[in-house]
C-alpha atoms as a PDB file:
ATOM      1  CA  MET A   1     -43.549 -71.845  -1.093  1.00  0.00           C
ATOM      2  CA  PHE A   2     -40.260 -73.786  -0.023  1.00  0.00           C
ATOM      3  CA  TRP A   3     -39.217 -75.702  -3.127  1.00  0.00           C
ATOM      4  CA  GLU A   4     -36.571 -75.808  -5.826  1.00  0.00           C
ATOM      5  CA  ALA A   5     -36.190 -77.166  -9.474  1.00  0.00           C
ATOM      6  CA  VAL A   6     -33.466 -79.884  -9.527  1.00  0.00           C
ATOM      7  CA  GLY A   7     -33.518 -80.647 -13.184  1.00  0.00           C
ATOM      8  CA  ASP A   8     -35.240 -83.213 -15.518  1.00  0.00           C
ATOM      9  CA  GLY A   9     -38.238 -81.477 -14.590  1.00  0.00           C
ATOM     10  CA  ARG A  10     -38.271 -82.535 -10.964  1.00  0.00           C
ATOM     11  CA  VAL A  11     -38.793 -80.388  -7.956  1.00  0.00           C
ATOM     12  CA  ARG A  12     -37.708 -80.798  -4.293  1.00  0.00           C
ATOM     13  CA  CYS A  13     -40.284 -79.826  -1.668  1.00  0.00           C
ATOM     14  CA  PHE A  14     -38.718 -78.355   1.617  1.00  0.00           C
ATOM     15  CA  LEU A  15     -41.898 -77.894   3.455  1.00  0.00           C
ATOM     16  CA  CYS A  16     -41.588 -80.877   5.514  1.00  0.00           C
ATOM     17  CA  TYR A  17     -38.861 -83.395   6.519  1.00  0.00           C
ATOM     18  CA  ARG A  18     -39.836 -85.706   3.850  1.00  0.00           C
ATOM     19  CA  ARG A  19     -38.212 -83.511   1.161  1.00  0.00           C
ATOM     20  CA  CYS A  20     -40.269 -85.331  -1.538  1.00  0.00           C
ATOM     21  CA  LEU A  21     -38.417 -85.394  -5.033  1.00  0.00           C
ATOM     22  CA  ILE A  22     -41.437 -85.167  -7.151  1.00  0.00           C
ATOM     23  CA  PRO A  23     -41.485 -85.556 -10.876  1.00  0.00           C
ATOM     24  CA  GLU A  24     -43.515 -83.686 -13.488  1.00  0.00           C
ATOM     25  CA  GLY A  25     -47.144 -84.396 -13.084  1.00  0.00           C
ATOM     26  CA  LYS A  26     -46.766 -86.128  -9.715  1.00  0.00           C
ATOM     27  CA  LYS A  27     -47.848 -85.305  -6.126  1.00  0.00           C
ATOM     28  CA  GLY A  28     -45.697 -85.379  -2.883  1.00  0.00           C
ATOM     29  CA  PHE A  29     -46.466 -87.941  -0.158  1.00  0.00           C
ATOM     30  CA  CYS A  30     -49.132 -85.496   1.178  1.00  0.00           C
ATOM     31  CA  ASN A  31     -50.901 -85.756  -1.901  1.00  0.00           C
ATOM     32  CA  VAL A  32     -51.785 -82.179  -2.072  1.00  0.00           C
ATOM     33  CA  ARG A  33     -48.618 -80.458  -3.609  1.00  0.00           C
ATOM     34  CA  GLN A  34     -48.084 -81.216  -7.293  1.00  0.00           C
ATOM     35  CA  ASN A  35     -45.298 -80.607  -9.881  1.00  0.00           C
ATOM     36  CA  ILE A  36     -47.069 -79.047 -12.836  1.00  0.00           C
ATOM     37  CA  GLU A  37     -44.695 -78.265 -15.647  1.00  0.00           C
ATOM     38  CA  GLY A  38     -41.713 -77.998 -13.297  1.00  0.00           C
ATOM     39  CA  LYS A  39     -43.204 -75.803 -10.808  1.00  0.00           C
ATOM     40  CA  LEU A  40     -44.768 -77.035  -7.374  1.00  0.00           C
ATOM     41  CA  TYR A  41     -48.146 -76.059  -6.613  1.00  0.00           C
ATOM     42  CA  THR A  42     -50.553 -76.534  -3.637  1.00  0.00           C
ATOM     43  CA  LEU A  43     -53.791 -77.983  -4.512  1.00  0.00           C
ATOM     44  CA  VAL A  44     -55.571 -76.872  -1.267  1.00  0.00           C
ATOM     45  CA  TYR A  45     -55.401 -73.272  -1.017  1.00  0.00           C
ATOM     46  CA  GLY A  46     -58.471 -72.213   0.842  1.00  0.00           C
ATOM     47  CA  LEU A  47     -60.320 -75.325   0.080  1.00  0.00           C
ATOM     48  CA  LEU A  48     -61.371 -76.161   3.550  1.00  0.00           C
ATOM     49  CA  THR A  49     -63.060 -79.448   4.812  1.00  0.00           C
ATOM     50  CA  ALA A  50     -64.150 -77.870   8.038  1.00  0.00           C
ATOM     51  CA  VAL A  51     -64.856 -74.521   9.550  1.00  0.00           C
ATOM     52  CA  ASN A  52     -65.816 -74.877  13.354  1.00  0.00           C
ATOM     53  CA  VAL A  53     -65.897 -72.996  16.543  1.00  0.00           C
ATOM     54  CA  ASP A  54     -64.429 -75.201  19.135  1.00  0.00           C
ATOM     55  CA  PRO A  55     -63.251 -74.860  22.817  1.00  0.00           C
ATOM     56  CA  ILE A  56     -59.470 -74.444  23.083  1.00  0.00           C
ATOM     57  CA  GLU A  57     -59.299 -77.372  25.250  1.00  0.00           C
ATOM     58  CA  LYS A  58     -60.305 -79.716  22.328  1.00  0.00           C
ATOM     59  CA  LYS A  59     -56.803 -79.004  20.749  1.00  0.00           C
ATOM     60  CA  PRO A  60     -55.883 -79.813  23.514  1.00  0.00           C
ATOM     61  CA  LEU A  61     -54.456 -76.523  24.673  1.00  0.00           C
ATOM     62  CA  PHE A  62     -54.974 -76.414  28.720  1.00  0.00           C
ATOM     63  CA  HIS A  63     -52.575 -73.566  29.567  1.00  0.00           C
ATOM     64  CA  PHE A  64     -53.024 -71.133  26.597  1.00  0.00           C
ATOM     65  CA  HIS A  65     -55.891 -68.907  27.032  1.00  0.00           C
ATOM     66  CA  PRO A  66     -58.090 -71.554  28.786  1.00  0.00           C
ATOM     67  CA  GLY A  67     -61.617 -71.475  28.117  1.00  0.00           C
ATOM     68  CA  SER A  68     -61.423 -69.451  24.980  1.00  0.00           C
ATOM     69  CA  ASN A  69     -63.019 -70.311  21.653  1.00  0.00           C
ATOM     70  CA  VAL A  70     -60.959 -71.024  18.380  1.00  0.00           C
ATOM     71  CA  LEU A  71     -62.242 -71.214  14.832  1.00  0.00           C
ATOM     72  CA  SER A  72     -60.771 -74.318  13.703  1.00  0.00           C
ATOM     73  CA  ILE A  73     -60.084 -74.898   9.992  1.00  0.00           C
ATOM     74  CA  SER A  74     -58.663 -77.809   7.984  1.00  0.00           C
ATOM     75  CA  THR A  75     -57.997 -79.279   4.230  1.00  0.00           C
ATOM     76  CA  VAL A  76     -57.491 -82.683   2.960  1.00  0.00           C
ATOM     77  CA  GLY A  77     -54.226 -84.289   2.936  1.00  0.00           C
ATOM     78  CA  CYS A  78     -51.241 -85.331   5.359  1.00  0.00           C
ATOM     79  CA  ASN A  79     -47.615 -85.982   5.473  1.00  0.00           C
ATOM     80  CA  PHE A  80     -48.085 -88.779   7.967  1.00  0.00           C
ATOM     81  CA  HIS A  81     -49.861 -92.010   7.140  1.00  0.00           C
ATOM     82  CA  CYS A  82     -51.443 -93.055  10.716  1.00  0.00           C
ATOM     83  CA  MET A  83     -53.173 -96.557  10.588  1.00  0.00           C
ATOM     84  CA  PHE A  84     -55.267 -94.990  13.490  1.00  0.00           C
ATOM     85  CA  CYS A  85     -55.931 -91.538  12.352  1.00  0.00           C
ATOM     86  CA  GLN A  86     -59.456 -90.307  13.678  1.00  0.00           C
ATOM     87  CA  ASN A  87     -59.775 -87.880  10.939  1.00  0.00           C
ATOM     88  CA  TRP A  88     -58.540 -90.253   8.151  1.00  0.00           C
ATOM     89  CA  ASN A  89     -61.750 -89.118   5.861  1.00  0.00           C
ATOM     90  CA  ILE A  90     -59.841 -86.032   5.284  1.00  0.00           C
ATOM     91  CA  SER A  91     -56.215 -86.651   6.256  1.00  0.00           C
ATOM     92  CA  GLN A  92     -55.922 -89.808   3.757  1.00  0.00           C
ATOM     93  CA  GLN A  93     -58.295 -88.712   1.357  1.00  0.00           C
ATOM     94  CA  ARG A  94     -56.954 -89.107  -2.155  1.00  0.00           C
ATOM     95  CA  ASN A  95     -59.348 -86.765  -3.939  1.00  0.00           C
ATOM     96  CA  VAL A  96     -59.128 -82.788  -3.288  1.00  0.00           C
ATOM     97  CA  PHE A  97     -62.186 -81.361  -2.196  1.00  0.00           C
ATOM     98  CA  GLY A  98     -63.593 -78.482  -0.009  1.00  0.00           C
ATOM     99  CA  ARG A  99     -65.333 -75.238   0.125  1.00  0.00           C
ATOM    100  CA  GLU A 100     -63.356 -72.262  -0.974  1.00  0.00           C
ATOM    101  CA  TYR A 101     -62.578 -69.380   1.262  1.00  0.00           C
ATOM    102  CA  LYS A 102     -60.236 -66.693   1.220  1.00  0.00           C
ATOM    103  CA  PRO A 103     -58.018 -65.841   4.184  1.00  0.00           C
ATOM    104  CA  GLU A 104     -59.804 -62.471   5.026  1.00  0.00           C
ATOM    105  CA  GLU A 105     -63.212 -64.487   5.031  1.00  0.00           C
ATOM    106  CA  ILE A 106     -62.000 -67.008   7.470  1.00  0.00           C
ATOM    107  CA  VAL A 107     -60.839 -64.066  10.033  1.00  0.00           C
ATOM    108  CA  SER A 108     -64.272 -62.371   9.474  1.00  0.00           C
ATOM    109  CA  VAL A 109     -65.922 -65.486  10.430  1.00  0.00           C
ATOM    110  CA  ALA A 110     -63.757 -65.925  13.389  1.00  0.00           C
ATOM    111  CA  LEU A 111     -64.512 -62.433  14.669  1.00  0.00           C
ATOM    112  CA  GLU A 112     -68.097 -62.454  13.795  1.00  0.00           C
ATOM    113  CA  ASN A 113     -68.747 -65.643  15.942  1.00  0.00           C
ATOM    114  CA  GLY A 114     -66.819 -64.570  18.917  1.00  0.00           C
ATOM    115  CA  ALA A 115     -63.802 -66.614  18.617  1.00  0.00           C
ATOM    116  CA  ASP A 116     -60.620 -65.475  20.274  1.00  0.00           C
ATOM    117  CA  GLY A 117     -58.256 -67.074  17.928  1.00  0.00           C
ATOM    118  CA  ILE A 118     -57.845 -69.454  14.777  1.00  0.00           C
ATOM    119  CA  SER A 119     -56.630 -73.117  15.053  1.00  0.00           C
ATOM    120  CA  TYR A 120     -55.153 -74.873  12.146  1.00  0.00           C
ATOM    121  CA  THR A 121     -56.143 -78.430  12.890  1.00  0.00           C
ATOM    122  CA  TYR A 122     -57.944 -81.617  12.196  1.00  0.00           C
ATOM    123  CA  ASN A 123     -55.225 -82.635   9.448  1.00  0.00           C
ATOM    124  CA  GLU A 124     -51.763 -81.469   9.392  1.00  0.00           C
ATOM    125  CA  PRO A 125     -51.624 -77.758   8.911  1.00  0.00           C
ATOM    126  CA  THR A 126     -47.937 -77.912   7.496  1.00  0.00           C
ATOM    127  CA  ILE A 127     -49.414 -79.438   4.444  1.00  0.00           C
ATOM    128  CA  PHE A 128     -51.782 -76.444   3.905  1.00  0.00           C
ATOM    129  CA  PHE A 129     -48.876 -73.943   4.708  1.00  0.00           C
ATOM    130  CA  GLU A 130     -49.548 -71.074   2.315  1.00  0.00           C
ATOM    131  CA  PHE A 131     -53.451 -70.622   3.353  1.00  0.00           C
ATOM    132  CA  ALA A 132     -52.492 -70.883   6.968  1.00  0.00           C
ATOM    133  CA  TYR A 133     -49.673 -68.310   6.573  1.00  0.00           C
ATOM    134  CA  ASP A 134     -51.762 -65.646   4.980  1.00  0.00           C
ATOM    135  CA  THR A 135     -54.617 -66.320   7.334  1.00  0.00           C
ATOM    136  CA  ALA A 136     -52.361 -66.065  10.332  1.00  0.00           C
ATOM    137  CA  LYS A 137     -50.962 -62.730   9.163  1.00  0.00           C
ATOM    138  CA  ILE A 138     -54.296 -61.189   8.903  1.00  0.00           C
ATOM    139  CA  ALA A 139     -55.492 -62.785  12.148  1.00  0.00           C
ATOM    140  CA  LYS A 140     -52.932 -61.155  14.004  1.00  0.00           C
ATOM    141  CA  ARG A 141     -53.596 -57.939  12.600  1.00  0.00           C
ATOM    142  CA  LYS A 142     -57.086 -58.248  13.943  1.00  0.00           C
ATOM    143  CA  LYS A 143     -55.980 -59.224  17.757  1.00  0.00           C
ATOM    144  CA  LEU A 144     -56.587 -62.814  17.189  1.00  0.00           C
ATOM    145  CA  PHE A 145     -54.151 -65.448  18.045  1.00  0.00           C
ATOM    146  CA  ASN A 146     -53.109 -68.388  16.112  1.00  0.00           C
ATOM    147  CA  THR A 147     -52.400 -72.111  17.218  1.00  0.00           C
ATOM    148  CA  PHE A 148     -51.257 -75.200  15.175  1.00  0.00           C
ATOM    149  CA  VAL A 149     -52.224 -78.718  15.965  1.00  0.00           C
ATOM    150  CA  THR A 150     -49.157 -80.464  14.519  1.00  0.00           C
ATOM    151  CA  ASN A 151     -47.121 -83.630  14.112  1.00  0.00           C
ATOM    152  CA  GLY A 152     -44.047 -81.453  14.186  1.00  0.00           C
ATOM    153  CA  TYR A 153     -42.609 -82.532  10.792  1.00  0.00           C
ATOM    154  CA  MET A 154     -42.242 -78.974   9.395  1.00  0.00           C
ATOM    155  CA  MET A 155     -38.651 -77.858   8.150  1.00  0.00           C
ATOM    156  CA  PRO A 156     -37.058 -74.960   9.880  1.00  0.00           C
ATOM    157  CA  GLU A 157     -37.452 -72.372   7.182  1.00  0.00           C
ATOM    158  CA  PRO A 158     -41.225 -72.567   7.060  1.00  0.00           C
ATOM    159  CA  LEU A 159     -41.322 -72.489  10.817  1.00  0.00           C
ATOM    160  CA  LYS A 160     -39.209 -69.329  11.078  1.00  0.00           C
ATOM    161  CA  ALA A 161     -41.431 -67.808   8.359  1.00  0.00           C
ATOM    162  CA  ILE A 162     -44.683 -68.415  10.467  1.00  0.00           C
ATOM    163  CA  ALA A 163     -43.318 -68.129  13.792  1.00  0.00           C
ATOM    164  CA  PRO A 164     -44.042 -64.158  14.182  1.00  0.00           C
ATOM    165  CA  TYR A 165     -47.638 -65.196  13.675  1.00  0.00           C
ATOM    166  CA  LEU A 166     -47.872 -68.486  15.568  1.00  0.00           C
ATOM    167  CA  ASP A 167     -48.854 -68.090  19.190  1.00  0.00           C
ATOM    168  CA  ALA A 168     -49.174 -71.697  20.542  1.00  0.00           C
ATOM    169  CA  ALA A 169     -48.825 -75.213  19.056  1.00  0.00           C
ATOM    170  CA  THR A 170     -49.962 -78.782  20.333  1.00  0.00           C
ATOM    171  CA  VAL A 171     -47.113 -81.025  18.999  1.00  0.00           C
ATOM    172  CA  ASP A 172     -48.569 -84.691  18.801  1.00  0.00           C
ATOM    173  CA  PHE A 173     -46.455 -87.734  19.476  1.00  0.00           C
ATOM    174  CA  LYS A 174     -47.623 -91.162  19.156  1.00  0.00           C
ATOM    175  CA  GLY A 175     -46.448 -94.190  20.889  1.00  0.00           C
ATOM    176  CA  SER A 176     -44.055 -92.115  23.130  1.00  0.00           C
ATOM    177  CA  GLY A 177     -41.879 -91.559  19.858  1.00  0.00           C
ATOM    178  CA  ASN A 178     -40.891 -95.050  19.570  1.00  0.00           C
ATOM    179  CA  LEU A 179     -39.167 -95.858  16.161  1.00  0.00           C
ATOM    180  CA  ASN A 180     -40.750 -98.905  15.278  1.00  0.00           C
ATOM    181  CA  PHE A 181     -44.115 -97.849  15.932  1.00  0.00           C
ATOM    182  CA  HIS A 182     -43.647 -94.791  13.862  1.00  0.00           C
ATOM    183  CA  ARG A 183     -42.365 -96.947  10.987  1.00  0.00           C
ATOM    184  CA  LYS A 184     -45.009 -99.684  11.292  1.00  0.00           C
ATOM    185  CA  TYR A 185     -48.139 -97.806  11.979  1.00  0.00           C
ATOM    186  CA  MET A 186     -47.186 -94.161  10.484  1.00  0.00           C
ATOM    187  CA  SER A 187     -45.099 -94.727   7.571  1.00  0.00           C
ATOM    188  CA  VAL A 188     -42.546 -92.227   9.179  1.00  0.00           C
ATOM    189  CA  PRO A 189     -38.849 -93.466   8.909  1.00  0.00           C
ATOM    190  CA  ASP A 190     -37.489 -90.944  11.690  1.00  0.00           C
ATOM    191  CA  ALA A 191     -39.136 -89.236  14.662  1.00  0.00           C
ATOM    192  CA  SER A 192     -36.131 -87.099  15.441  1.00  0.00           C
ATOM    193  CA  PRO A 193     -37.046 -84.178  13.345  1.00  0.00           C
ATOM    194  CA  ILE A 194     -40.133 -83.616  15.775  1.00  0.00           C
ATOM    195  CA  PHE A 195     -37.604 -82.934  18.369  1.00  0.00           C
ATOM    196  CA  GLU A 196     -35.839 -80.367  16.332  1.00  0.00           C
ATOM    197  CA  THR A 197     -39.114 -78.742  15.547  1.00  0.00           C
ATOM    198  CA  LEU A 198     -39.828 -78.483  19.251  1.00  0.00           C
ATOM    199  CA  ILE A 199     -36.526 -76.761  20.006  1.00  0.00           C
ATOM    200  CA  GLU A 200     -37.117 -74.273  17.160  1.00  0.00           C
ATOM    201  CA  MET A 201     -40.621 -73.269  18.508  1.00  0.00           C
ATOM    202  CA  LYS A 202     -39.294 -72.833  21.939  1.00  0.00           C
ATOM    203  CA  GLU A 203     -36.657 -70.419  20.597  1.00  0.00           C
ATOM    204  CA  ARG A 204     -39.112 -68.547  18.365  1.00  0.00           C
ATOM    205  CA  GLY A 205     -41.216 -67.978  21.434  1.00  0.00           C
ATOM    206  CA  VAL A 206     -44.157 -70.436  20.521  1.00  0.00           C
ATOM    207  CA  PHE A 207     -46.245 -71.708  23.641  1.00  0.00           C
ATOM    208  CA  ILE A 208     -46.066 -75.461  23.494  1.00  0.00           C
ATOM    209  CA  GLU A 209     -48.039 -78.168  24.866  1.00  0.00           C
ATOM    210  CA  ILE A 210     -47.233 -82.052  24.143  1.00  0.00           C
ATOM    211  CA  THR A 211     -49.618 -84.845  23.415  1.00  0.00           C
ATOM    212  CA  ASP A 212     -48.717 -88.643  23.442  1.00  0.00           C
ATOM    213  CA  LEU A 213     -51.060 -91.087  21.982  1.00  0.00           C
ATOM    214  CA  ILE A 214     -50.629 -94.226  24.120  1.00  0.00           C
ATOM    215  CA  VAL A 215     -51.313 -97.364  22.181  1.00  0.00           C
ATOM    216  CA  PRO A 216     -51.876-100.599  24.195  1.00  0.00           C
ATOM    217  CA  GLN A 217     -49.238-102.755  22.934  1.00  0.00           C
ATOM    218  CA  TYR A 218     -46.686 -99.998  23.167  1.00  0.00           C
ATOM    219  CA  GLY A 219     -48.265 -98.161  26.201  1.00  0.00           C
ATOM    220  CA  ASP A 220     -46.721-100.361  28.765  1.00  0.00           C
ATOM    221  CA  ASN A 221     -43.357 -99.653  27.433  1.00  0.00           C
ATOM    222  CA  LEU A 222     -42.439 -97.037  30.139  1.00  0.00           C
ATOM    223  CA  ALA A 223     -38.746 -96.918  29.012  1.00  0.00           C
ATOM    224  CA  ASP A 224     -39.912 -94.806  25.912  1.00  0.00           C
ATOM    225  CA  LEU A 225     -42.093 -92.793  27.760  1.00  0.00           C
ATOM    226  CA  GLU A 226     -39.660 -91.847  30.400  1.00  0.00           C
ATOM    227  CA  LYS A 227     -37.038 -91.012  27.595  1.00  0.00           C
ATOM    228  CA  LEU A 228     -39.567 -88.696  26.121  1.00  0.00           C
ATOM    229  CA  VAL A 229     -40.460 -87.084  29.297  1.00  0.00           C
ATOM    230  CA  LYS A 230     -36.922 -86.688  30.205  1.00  0.00           C
ATOM    231  CA  TRP A 231     -36.314 -84.845  26.911  1.00  0.00           C
ATOM    232  CA  ILE A 232     -39.254 -82.616  27.198  1.00  0.00           C
ATOM    233  CA  ASN A 233     -38.127 -81.819  30.983  1.00  0.00           C
ATOM    234  CA  GLU A 234     -34.739 -81.042  29.897  1.00  0.00           C
ATOM    235  CA  ASN A 235     -35.294 -79.133  26.703  1.00  0.00           C
ATOM    236  CA  LEU A 236     -38.698 -77.485  27.354  1.00  0.00           C
ATOM    237  CA  GLY A 237     -39.134 -77.162  30.904  1.00  0.00           C
ATOM    238  CA  SER A 238     -40.818 -79.025  33.627  1.00  0.00           C
ATOM    239  CA  GLU A 239     -44.047 -77.036  33.575  1.00  0.00           C
ATOM    240  CA  THR A 240     -44.635 -77.840  29.739  1.00  0.00           C
ATOM    241  CA  PRO A 241     -48.249 -79.460  29.672  1.00  0.00           C
ATOM    242  CA  PHE A 242     -48.168 -83.107  28.696  1.00  0.00           C
ATOM    243  CA  HIS A 243     -51.355 -84.845  27.687  1.00  0.00           C
ATOM    244  CA  LEU A 244     -51.551 -88.830  27.651  1.00  0.00           C
ATOM    245  CA  LEU A 245     -54.242 -89.469  25.112  1.00  0.00           C
ATOM    246  CA  ARG A 246     -56.277 -92.541  25.077  1.00  0.00           C
ATOM    247  CA  PHE A 247     -56.357 -94.702  21.931  1.00  0.00           C
ATOM    248  CA  TYR A 248     -59.510 -95.839  20.409  1.00  0.00           C
ATOM    249  CA  PRO A 249     -59.652 -98.616  17.400  1.00  0.00           C
ATOM    250  CA  HIS A 250     -60.223 -96.602  14.354  1.00  0.00           C
ATOM    251  CA  TYR A 251     -59.399 -96.662  10.521  1.00  0.00           C
ATOM    252  CA  LEU A 252     -57.009 -99.363   9.602  1.00  0.00           C
ATOM    253  CA  LEU A 253     -56.229-100.097  13.286  1.00  0.00           C
ATOM    254  CA  GLN A 254     -59.434-101.744  14.714  1.00  0.00           C
ATOM    255  CA  ASP A 255     -57.917-104.915  15.908  1.00  0.00           C
ATOM    256  CA  LEU A 256     -56.589-103.472  19.198  1.00  0.00           C
ATOM    257  CA  PRO A 257     -58.546-102.739  22.152  1.00  0.00           C
ATOM    258  CA  SER A 258     -59.036 -99.309  23.493  1.00  0.00           C
ATOM    259  CA  THR A 259     -55.975 -98.248  25.882  1.00  0.00           C
ATOM    260  CA  PRO A 260     -56.887 -99.349  29.442  1.00  0.00           C
ATOM    261  CA  VAL A 261     -57.205 -96.605  32.014  1.00  0.00           C
ATOM    262  CA  LYS A 262     -54.655 -98.100  34.040  1.00  0.00           C
ATOM    263  CA  THR A 263     -52.200 -98.106  31.570  1.00  0.00           C
ATOM    264  CA  LEU A 264     -52.646 -94.347  31.012  1.00  0.00           C
ATOM    265  CA  GLU A 265     -52.532 -94.015  34.743  1.00  0.00           C
ATOM    266  CA  LYS A 266     -49.199 -95.812  35.294  1.00  0.00           C
ATOM    267  CA  ALA A 267     -48.052 -93.661  32.194  1.00  0.00           C
ATOM    268  CA  ALA A 268     -49.001 -90.410  34.123  1.00  0.00           C
ATOM    269  CA  GLU A 269     -47.348 -91.444  37.449  1.00  0.00           C
ATOM    270  CA  LYS A 270     -44.084 -92.159  35.497  1.00  0.00           C
ATOM    271  CA  ALA A 271     -44.361 -88.744  33.665  1.00  0.00           C
ATOM    272  CA  ALA A 272     -44.646 -86.996  37.025  1.00  0.00           C
ATOM    273  CA  GLU A 273     -42.110 -89.027  38.953  1.00  0.00           C
ATOM    274  CA  THR A 274     -39.874 -88.089  35.742  1.00  0.00           C
ATOM    275  CA  GLY A 275     -40.124 -84.243  36.532  1.00  0.00           C
ATOM    276  CA  LEU A 276     -43.121 -83.071  34.609  1.00  0.00           C
ATOM    277  CA  ARG A 277     -45.488 -80.829  36.794  1.00  0.00           C
ATOM    278  CA  HIS A 278     -48.585 -80.808  34.493  1.00  0.00           C
ATOM    279  CA  VAL A 279     -49.545 -84.279  33.182  1.00  0.00           C
ATOM    280  CA  TYR A 280     -53.236 -84.804  31.889  1.00  0.00           C
ATOM    281  CA  ILE A 281     -55.077 -87.824  30.983  1.00  0.00           C
ATOM    282  CA  GLY A 282     -57.181 -87.281  27.743  1.00  0.00           C
ATOM    283  CA  ASN A 283     -60.150 -88.942  26.152  1.00  0.00           C
ATOM    284  CA  VAL A 284     -61.197 -90.331  29.352  1.00  0.00           C
ATOM    285  CA  PRO A 285     -64.082 -88.043  30.347  1.00  0.00           C
ATOM    286  CA  GLY A 286     -64.414 -87.339  33.940  1.00  0.00           C
ATOM    287  CA  HIS A 287     -60.911 -88.348  34.915  1.00  0.00           C
ATOM    288  CA  LYS A 288     -59.147 -86.488  37.744  1.00  0.00           C
ATOM    289  CA  LEU A 289     -56.140 -85.753  35.516  1.00  0.00           C
ATOM    290  CA  GLU A 290     -58.621 -83.421  33.370  1.00  0.00           C
ATOM    291  CA  ASN A 291     -58.009 -80.687  36.000  1.00  0.00           C
ATOM    292  CA  THR A 292     -55.036 -78.501  36.707  1.00  0.00           C
ATOM    293  CA  PHE A 293     -53.370 -78.450  39.922  1.00  0.00           C
ATOM    294  CA  CYS A 294     -50.816 -76.225  41.412  1.00  0.00           C
ATOM    295  CA  PRO A 295     -47.504 -77.880  41.172  1.00  0.00           C
ATOM    296  CA  HIS A 296     -46.315 -76.042  44.703  1.00  0.00           C
ATOM    297  CA  CYS A 297     -49.366 -76.908  46.903  1.00  0.00           C
ATOM    298  CA  GLY A 298     -51.247 -79.395  44.963  1.00  0.00           C
ATOM    299  CA  VAL A 299     -54.632 -77.314  45.079  1.00  0.00           C
ATOM    300  CA  LYS A 300     -56.967 -77.729  42.159  1.00  0.00           C
ATOM    301  CA  VAL A 301     -56.730 -74.278  40.184  1.00  0.00           C
ATOM    302  CA  ILE A 302     -58.617 -75.366  37.095  1.00  0.00           C
ATOM    303  CA  SER A 303     -61.475 -77.776  37.267  1.00  0.00           C
ATOM    304  CA  ARG A 304     -62.717 -79.245  34.010  1.00  0.00           C
ATOM    305  CA  ASP A 305     -65.704 -81.302  32.563  1.00  0.00           C
ATOM    306  CA  GLY A 306     -64.452 -82.629  29.217  1.00  0.00           C
ATOM    307  CA  PHE A 307     -63.867 -79.596  27.209  1.00  0.00           C
ATOM    308  CA  TYR A 308     -65.629 -77.112  29.564  1.00  0.00           C
ATOM    309  CA  ILE A 309     -64.154 -75.194  32.447  1.00  0.00           C
ATOM    310  CA  SER A 310     -66.499 -75.407  35.583  1.00  0.00           C
ATOM    311  CA  GLY A 311     -64.423 -73.672  38.148  1.00  0.00           C
ATOM    312  CA  THR A 312     -61.206 -71.716  38.579  1.00  0.00           C
ATOM    313  CA  ASN A 313     -59.022 -70.673  41.761  1.00  0.00           C
ATOM    314  CA  LEU A 314     -56.439 -68.570  39.829  1.00  0.00           C
ATOM    315  CA  SER A 315     -55.966 -64.654  40.362  1.00  0.00           C
ATOM    316  CA  ASN A 316     -55.873 -62.622  37.166  1.00  0.00           C
ATOM    317  CA  SER A 317     -52.087 -63.165  36.923  1.00  0.00           C
ATOM    318  CA  ASN A 318     -52.663 -66.790  36.868  1.00  0.00           C
ATOM    319  CA  LYS A 319     -51.241 -67.382  40.427  1.00  0.00           C
ATOM    320  CA  CYS A 320     -52.522 -69.908  42.566  1.00  0.00           C
ATOM    321  CA  GLY A 321     -55.428 -68.577  44.834  1.00  0.00           C
ATOM    322  CA  ASN A 322     -54.162 -70.872  47.793  1.00  0.00           C
ATOM    323  CA  CYS A 323     -50.334 -70.355  47.728  1.00  0.00           C
ATOM    324  CA  GLY A 324     -49.670 -67.494  45.236  1.00  0.00           C
ATOM    325  CA  TYR A 325     -47.646 -69.790  43.082  1.00  0.00           C
ATOM    326  CA  LYS A 326     -47.285 -68.333  39.383  1.00  0.00           C
ATOM    327  CA  LEU A 327     -48.427 -71.051  36.875  1.00  0.00           C
ATOM    328  CA  ASN A 328     -47.145 -71.453  33.283  1.00  0.00           C
ATOM    329  CA  ILE A 329     -50.456 -70.308  31.992  1.00  0.00           C
ATOM    330  CA  GLU A 330     -50.647 -67.807  29.034  1.00  0.00           C
ATOM    331  CA  GLY A 331     -53.738 -65.581  28.934  1.00  0.00           C
ATOM    332  CA  ASN A 332     -56.607 -65.220  31.308  1.00  0.00           C
ATOM    333  CA  VAL A 333     -59.024 -67.942  32.178  1.00  0.00           C
ATOM    334  CA  LYS A 334     -62.326 -67.685  30.362  1.00  0.00           C
ATOM    335  CA  ARG A 335     -65.386 -69.741  31.435  1.00  0.00           C
ATOM    336  CA  ARG A 336     -67.484 -69.997  28.242  1.00  0.00           C
ATOM    337  CA  ASN A 337     -67.116 -72.417  25.655  1.00  0.00           C
ATOM    338  CA  ARG A 338     -69.690 -72.714  22.468  1.00  0.00           C
ATOM    339  CA  PHE A 339     -69.806 -74.894  19.547  1.00  0.00           C
ATOM    340  CA  TYR A 340     -70.699 -74.020  15.998  1.00  0.00           C
ATOM    341  CA  LEU A 341     -70.606 -75.927  12.770  1.00  0.00           C
ATOM    342  CA  PHE A 342     -70.698 -74.188   9.131  1.00  0.00           C
END
């Protein structure tokens, strides 16, 4: 889907903002879309590297059906080359592999194991768009919700196509959108398309949460963070959940230390001062900012222990049990989480 022939046997892919021009026999940047005799083919349709039931908080989605379970699926490949990728063994894999599934089978697995929805995650779902699209349509008919964990580099036309079936998305920033960081550590020439994707998602009614991976040497640059937060506040709204994630050395970037917790706390303070009302700190188990607080009266309304919900103070309509303020939470809170591995 989303390509055209441009002559001399070459094709142009219009799935993501890289818009790869691919000669005959070659693959795009993501390594999973190949020009075969002048036609563009996906190499990973239904070839899944993971089929897990996760708590939705792992995505992380804290305000969308909190406490629910999601069937998480992935393939190999990615349209980013992040030097710090935690899932590099699938996202940066040069060989295509996986266990074969049909969309109907994935929906059946989700239903059979008590999942409330399906999450397209672990690697970038944009690059296995066709399988995600076919699966999401069936899932929607079966009353399951669909969520993407994405870098936000999808072109508008694919996003418009899947939006009727896409209920929520976690959109991942790294280094607060710093341009030099994206170029040096992610092989991404420009971060501006991510903002365009977010605007399109909002207009299409997709529930949005934002993550920002804070890397030590860039984490103290609060100017970048403040710029990002102002944009979120002005374009997505002050109650957009914002997750500051702790960096851990991994893959090709093991020479940096883990992000100091104080750096994350300074960033959280700046984000709150700049206007965001739901700021979280991730990858720091037990931190106070794992919890959800009422932005009106400050009372804790959802208590979390890692990915588990340990207590709530919300009505069925997601109003604060103390002051009655209506929070930006979609779906009722469930206090159950289970893990499965297939």
